[in-house]
Amino acid sequence: MAATAEMKPGSKVTFTVTKMPAALGLKKTIFRLMRQETRVQRALDKLAKGRADGGNRLKQRGGRMWNSRKTASRVVILKTGATFTLIYTPQLAADLKSVEKYLSRKAG
């Protein structure tokens, strides 16, 4: 993968996971980048609204009512060959640089 300096802010870039990192931190970084995709964000927002509306339990903790929400949904699956498209911003540069040897890049 070429250096992030070649990518222009605002451009769409498609990444493919070529191999899985052994370190848990690197896996989490790739997973977090995959969640940045626009269609995934829409799905996560829709699921979050559904969780907020129903299925939560109110219970008393320490004399106060406590809302126990369901856990967040996992929309993306991190595996070799998974593809995701991001709109590149300079804030993503450090994350992309740390996992660049596990991803292949295709512009557009």
N, C-alpha and C. Protein backbone atom coordinates (compact mmCIF):
# COMPACT_ATOMS: atom_id res chain seq x y z
N MET A 1 0.85 -1.17 0.00
CA MET A 1 0.00 0.00 0.00
C MET A 1 0.89 1.24 0.00
N ALA A 2 0.55 2.21 -0.80
CA ALA A 2 1.35 3.43 -0.88
C ALA A 2 1.13 4.27 0.38
N ALA A 3 2.02 5.19 0.59
CA ALA A 3 1.95 6.05 1.77
C ALA A 3 0.66 6.87 1.76
N THR A 4 0.20 7.23 2.94
CA THR A 4 -1.04 8.00 3.05
C THR A 4 -0.87 9.41 2.49
N ALA A 5 0.37 9.85 2.26
CA ALA A 5 0.61 11.18 1.70
C ALA A 5 0.05 11.29 0.28
N GLU A 6 -0.07 10.17 -0.42
CA GLU A 6 -0.59 10.19 -1.79
C GLU A 6 -2.10 10.36 -1.83
N MET A 7 -2.80 10.05 -0.74
CA MET A 7 -4.26 10.16 -0.71
C MET A 7 -4.67 11.60 -0.44
N LYS A 8 -5.68 12.07 -1.18
CA LYS A 8 -6.15 13.43 -1.01
C LYS A 8 -7.37 13.42 -0.08
N PRO A 9 -7.45 14.39 0.85
CA PRO A 9 -8.61 14.45 1.74
C PRO A 9 -9.91 14.59 0.95
N GLY A 10 -10.90 13.84 1.34
CA GLY A 10 -12.20 13.85 0.67
C GLY A 10 -12.34 12.81 -0.42
N SER A 11 -11.26 12.11 -0.76
CA SER A 11 -11.34 11.10 -1.82
C SER A 11 -11.78 9.75 -1.24
N LYS A 12 -12.50 8.99 -2.04
CA LYS A 12 -12.94 7.66 -1.62
C LYS A 12 -11.83 6.67 -1.90
N VAL A 13 -11.55 5.85 -0.90
CA VAL A 13 -10.49 4.86 -1.01
C VAL A 13 -11.04 3.52 -0.54
N THR A 14 -10.80 2.47 -1.31
CA THR A 14 -11.27 1.13 -0.96
C THR A 14 -10.09 0.31 -0.46
N PHE A 15 -10.30 -0.33 0.67
CA PHE A 15 -9.27 -1.17 1.28
C PHE A 15 -9.75 -2.60 1.34
N THR A 16 -8.83 -3.55 1.21
CA THR A 16 -9.10 -4.96 1.37
C THR A 16 -8.13 -5.52 2.40
N VAL A 17 -8.64 -6.32 3.32
CA VAL A 17 -7.81 -6.93 4.34
C VAL A 17 -7.06 -8.10 3.68
N THR A 18 -5.73 -8.00 3.60
CA THR A 18 -4.93 -9.04 2.93
C THR A 18 -4.52 -10.15 3.89
N LYS A 19 -4.23 -9.78 5.14
CA LYS A 19 -3.92 -10.80 6.15
C LYS A 19 -4.32 -10.26 7.51
N MET A 20 -4.56 -11.17 8.43
CA MET A 20 -5.00 -10.79 9.77
C MET A 20 -3.79 -10.53 10.67
N PRO A 21 -3.79 -9.40 11.39
CA PRO A 21 -2.70 -9.15 12.33
C PRO A 21 -2.84 -10.04 13.56
N ALA A 22 -1.74 -10.34 14.19
CA ALA A 22 -1.77 -11.17 15.40
C ALA A 22 -2.14 -10.35 16.62
N ALA A 23 -1.74 -9.09 16.66
CA ALA A 23 -1.97 -8.24 17.82
C ALA A 23 -3.43 -7.79 17.88
N LEU A 24 -4.01 -7.86 19.06
CA LEU A 24 -5.41 -7.47 19.26
C LEU A 24 -5.63 -5.99 18.95
N GLY A 25 -4.68 -5.15 19.31
CA GLY A 25 -4.82 -3.72 19.06
C GLY A 25 -4.93 -3.39 17.57
N LEU A 26 -4.16 -4.09 16.75
CA LEU A 26 -4.22 -3.86 15.31
C LEU A 26 -5.54 -4.37 14.72
N LYS A 27 -6.05 -5.48 15.27
CA LYS A 27 -7.35 -5.97 14.82
C LYS A 27 -8.45 -4.96 15.15
N LYS A 28 -8.37 -4.38 16.34
CA LYS A 28 -9.36 -3.38 16.74
C LYS A 28 -9.29 -2.14 15.86
N THR A 29 -8.07 -1.76 15.46
CA THR A 29 -7.89 -0.59 14.59
C THR A 29 -8.55 -0.83 13.24
N ILE A 30 -8.32 -1.99 12.64
CA ILE A 30 -8.93 -2.31 11.35
C ILE A 30 -10.45 -2.37 11.51
N PHE A 31 -10.94 -2.98 12.58
CA PHE A 31 -12.38 -3.07 12.83
C PHE A 31 -12.98 -1.66 12.95
N ARG A 32 -12.29 -0.77 13.65
CA ARG A 32 -12.77 0.61 13.81
C ARG A 32 -12.80 1.33 12.47
N LEU A 33 -11.80 1.09 11.62
CA LEU A 33 -11.79 1.70 10.29
C LEU A 33 -12.93 1.16 9.43
N MET A 34 -13.21 -0.14 9.56
CA MET A 34 -14.31 -0.73 8.79
C MET A 34 -15.65 -0.14 9.20
N ARG A 35 -15.79 0.24 10.46
CA ARG A 35 -17.04 0.83 10.94
C ARG A 35 -17.23 2.26 10.45
N GLN A 36 -16.21 2.87 9.85
CA GLN A 36 -16.30 4.24 9.35
C GLN A 36 -17.02 4.32 8.00
N GLU A 37 -17.24 3.19 7.37
CA GLU A 37 -17.89 3.17 6.06
C GLU A 37 -19.31 3.75 6.18
N THR A 38 -19.74 4.50 5.18
CA THR A 38 -21.01 5.21 5.22
C THR A 38 -22.20 4.26 5.39
N ARG A 39 -22.23 3.18 4.64
CA ARG A 39 -23.38 2.27 4.73
C ARG A 39 -23.42 1.56 6.08
N VAL A 40 -22.26 1.30 6.66
CA VAL A 40 -22.18 0.67 7.98
C VAL A 40 -22.67 1.65 9.03
N GLN A 41 -22.29 2.93 8.90
CA GLN A 41 -22.74 3.95 9.85
C GLN A 41 -24.26 4.08 9.84
N ARG A 42 -24.86 4.03 8.64
CA ARG A 42 -26.33 4.09 8.54
C ARG A 42 -26.97 2.91 9.25
N ALA A 43 -26.43 1.73 9.04
CA ALA A 43 -26.97 0.53 9.68
C ALA A 43 -26.82 0.60 11.19
N LEU A 44 -25.68 1.07 11.67
CA LEU A 44 -25.45 1.19 13.10
C LEU A 44 -26.40 2.20 13.74
N ASP A 45 -26.64 3.33 13.05
CA ASP A 45 -27.57 4.33 13.56
C ASP A 45 -28.99 3.76 13.67
N LYS A 46 -29.40 3.03 12.65
CA LYS A 46 -30.74 2.44 12.65
C LYS A 46 -30.89 1.41 13.77
N LEU A 47 -29.87 0.59 13.96
CA LEU A 47 -29.91 -0.40 15.03
C LEU A 47 -29.87 0.25 16.41
N ALA A 48 -29.12 1.35 16.54
CA ALA A 48 -29.05 2.05 17.83
C ALA A 48 -30.40 2.65 18.20
N LYS A 49 -31.11 3.18 17.21
CA LYS A 49 -32.45 3.73 17.48
C LYS A 49 -33.40 2.62 17.92
N GLY A 50 -33.28 1.47 17.30
CA GLY A 50 -34.12 0.34 17.69
C GLY A 50 -33.82 -0.14 19.10
N ARG A 51 -32.54 -0.15 19.47
CA ARG A 51 -32.17 -0.54 20.83
C ARG A 51 -32.67 0.47 21.85
N ALA A 52 -32.64 1.75 21.49
CA ALA A 52 -33.07 2.79 22.41
C ALA A 52 -34.58 2.73 22.65
N ASP A 53 -35.34 2.34 21.62
CA ASP A 53 -36.80 2.33 21.72
C ASP A 53 -37.33 1.16 22.54
N GLY A 54 -36.75 0.01 22.41
CA GLY A 54 -37.33 -1.14 23.10
C GLY A 54 -36.28 -2.14 23.54
N GLY A 55 -36.67 -3.01 24.43
CA GLY A 55 -35.80 -4.08 24.85
C GLY A 55 -34.86 -3.70 25.98
N ASN A 56 -34.95 -2.46 26.47
CA ASN A 56 -34.10 -2.06 27.58
C ASN A 56 -34.80 -2.38 28.90
N ARG A 57 -33.99 -2.62 29.92
CA ARG A 57 -34.56 -2.95 31.23
C ARG A 57 -34.27 -1.84 32.21
N LEU A 58 -35.31 -1.40 32.90
CA LEU A 58 -35.14 -0.45 33.99
C LEU A 58 -35.07 -1.24 35.28
N LYS A 59 -34.04 -0.99 36.07
CA LYS A 59 -33.95 -1.65 37.36
C LYS A 59 -33.36 -0.68 38.36
N GLN A 60 -33.55 -0.99 39.61
CA GLN A 60 -33.09 -0.10 40.65
C GLN A 60 -31.67 -0.49 41.08
N ARG A 61 -30.80 0.54 41.12
CA ARG A 61 -29.42 0.34 41.58
C ARG A 61 -29.07 1.48 42.51
N GLY A 62 -28.78 1.16 43.73
CA GLY A 62 -28.38 2.18 44.70
C GLY A 62 -29.46 3.21 44.97
N GLY A 63 -30.70 2.80 44.91
CA GLY A 63 -31.81 3.71 45.19
C GLY A 63 -32.25 4.52 43.99
N ARG A 64 -31.62 4.36 42.85
CA ARG A 64 -32.00 5.09 41.65
C ARG A 64 -32.38 4.11 40.55
N MET A 65 -33.16 4.59 39.61
CA MET A 65 -33.52 3.76 38.46
C MET A 65 -32.36 3.78 37.47
N TRP A 66 -32.05 2.63 36.93
CA TRP A 66 -30.91 2.45 36.04
C TRP A 66 -31.41 1.81 34.76
N ASN A 67 -31.06 2.41 33.63
CA ASN A 67 -31.46 1.88 32.33
C ASN A 67 -30.35 0.98 31.82
N SER A 68 -30.60 -0.30 31.70
CA SER A 68 -29.62 -1.26 31.23
C SER A 68 -29.87 -1.52 29.75
N ARG A 69 -29.06 -0.88 28.88
CA ARG A 69 -29.26 -1.00 27.44
C ARG A 69 -28.60 -2.26 26.88
N LYS A 70 -29.12 -2.71 25.76
CA LYS A 70 -28.52 -3.85 25.06
C LYS A 70 -27.16 -3.44 24.49
N THR A 71 -26.31 -4.42 24.22
CA THR A 71 -24.98 -4.14 23.68
C THR A 71 -25.07 -3.73 22.21
N ALA A 72 -24.05 -3.01 21.75
CA ALA A 72 -24.01 -2.52 20.38
C ALA A 72 -23.90 -3.68 19.39
N SER A 73 -24.49 -3.50 18.23
CA SER A 73 -24.50 -4.53 17.19
C SER A 73 -23.16 -4.59 16.46
N ARG A 74 -22.82 -5.75 15.98
CA ARG A 74 -21.62 -5.94 15.17
C ARG A 74 -22.07 -6.10 13.73
N VAL A 75 -21.89 -5.03 12.94
CA VAL A 75 -22.35 -5.04 11.55
C VAL A 75 -21.26 -5.56 10.63
N VAL A 76 -20.02 -5.26 10.92
CA VAL A 76 -18.91 -5.70 10.07
C VAL A 76 -18.23 -6.91 10.69
N ILE A 77 -17.67 -7.74 9.83
CA ILE A 77 -16.94 -8.92 10.27
C ILE A 77 -15.51 -8.79 9.77
N LEU A 78 -14.58 -8.83 10.68
CA LEU A 78 -13.17 -8.70 10.34
C LEU A 78 -12.62 -10.07 9.94
N LYS A 79 -12.28 -10.20 8.65
CA LYS A 79 -11.69 -11.44 8.15
C LYS A 79 -10.87 -11.11 6.91
N THR A 80 -10.01 -12.01 6.52
CA THR A 80 -9.20 -11.81 5.33
C THR A 80 -10.10 -11.75 4.11
N GLY A 81 -9.87 -10.76 3.25
CA GLY A 81 -10.69 -10.58 2.06
C GLY A 81 -11.82 -9.58 2.24
N ALA A 82 -12.06 -9.12 3.46
CA ALA A 82 -13.11 -8.14 3.71
C ALA A 82 -12.73 -6.81 3.05
N THR A 83 -13.69 -6.17 2.43
CA THR A 83 -13.45 -4.92 1.70
C THR A 83 -14.31 -3.81 2.31
N PHE A 84 -13.72 -2.62 2.40
CA PHE A 84 -14.48 -1.47 2.90
C PHE A 84 -13.99 -0.21 2.21
N THR A 85 -14.88 0.77 2.07
CA THR A 85 -14.58 2.03 1.39
C THR A 85 -14.72 3.17 2.38
N LEU A 86 -13.70 4.02 2.43
CA LEU A 86 -13.69 5.17 3.33
C LEU A 86 -13.56 6.45 2.53
N ILE A 87 -14.02 7.53 3.12
CA ILE A 87 -13.68 8.85 2.62
C ILE A 87 -12.48 9.28 3.44
N TYR A 88 -11.34 9.44 2.79
CA TYR A 88 -10.09 9.71 3.50
C TYR A 88 -10.08 11.10 4.09
N THR A 89 -9.68 11.18 5.36
CA THR A 89 -9.44 12.46 6.03
C THR A 89 -8.07 12.35 6.70
N PRO A 90 -7.42 13.48 6.93
CA PRO A 90 -6.09 13.43 7.56
C PRO A 90 -6.12 12.81 8.96
N GLN A 91 -7.27 12.82 9.64
CA GLN A 91 -7.37 12.23 10.97
C GLN A 91 -7.20 10.72 10.93
N LEU A 92 -7.43 10.10 9.79
CA LEU A 92 -7.30 8.65 9.64
C LEU A 92 -5.87 8.22 9.32
N ALA A 93 -4.99 9.16 9.03
CA ALA A 93 -3.64 8.84 8.56
C ALA A 93 -2.86 7.96 9.53
N ALA A 94 -2.91 8.29 10.81
CA ALA A 94 -2.13 7.52 11.80
C ALA A 94 -2.64 6.09 11.90
N ASP A 95 -3.96 5.91 11.91
CA ASP A 95 -4.53 4.56 11.98
C ASP A 95 -4.19 3.76 10.73
N LEU A 96 -4.31 4.38 9.57
CA LEU A 96 -4.01 3.68 8.32
C LEU A 96 -2.53 3.31 8.23
N LYS A 97 -1.67 4.20 8.72
CA LYS A 97 -0.24 3.89 8.67
C LYS A 97 0.12 2.72 9.58
N SER A 98 -0.57 2.61 10.72
CA SER A 98 -0.24 1.54 11.66
C SER A 98 -0.66 0.16 11.15
N VAL A 99 -1.66 0.11 10.26
CA VAL A 99 -2.15 -1.19 9.77
C VAL A 99 -1.93 -1.36 8.26
N GLU A 100 -1.07 -0.53 7.66
CA GLU A 100 -0.93 -0.55 6.20
C GLU A 100 -0.40 -1.88 5.66
N LYS A 101 0.36 -2.64 6.43
CA LYS A 101 0.89 -3.89 5.89
C LYS A 101 -0.16 -5.01 5.89
N TYR A 102 -1.32 -4.76 6.49
CA TYR A 102 -2.40 -5.74 6.51
C TYR A 102 -3.52 -5.39 5.53
N LEU A 103 -3.39 -4.26 4.86
CA LEU A 103 -4.42 -3.78 3.92
C LEU A 103 -3.82 -3.53 2.55
N SER A 104 -4.64 -3.72 1.52
CA SER A 104 -4.26 -3.28 0.18
C SER A 104 -5.24 -2.17 -0.22
N ARG A 105 -4.74 -1.20 -0.94
CA ARG A 105 -5.53 -0.01 -1.26
C ARG A 105 -5.85 0.05 -2.74
N LYS A 106 -7.08 0.53 -3.01
CA LYS A 106 -7.51 0.79 -4.38
C LYS A 106 -8.25 2.10 -4.36
N ALA A 107 -7.87 3.05 -5.19
CA ALA A 107 -8.53 4.36 -5.21
C ALA A 107 -9.90 4.24 -5.84
N GLY A 108 -10.82 5.03 -5.32
CA GLY A 108 -12.16 5.11 -5.89
C GLY A 108 -13.01 4.01 -5.43
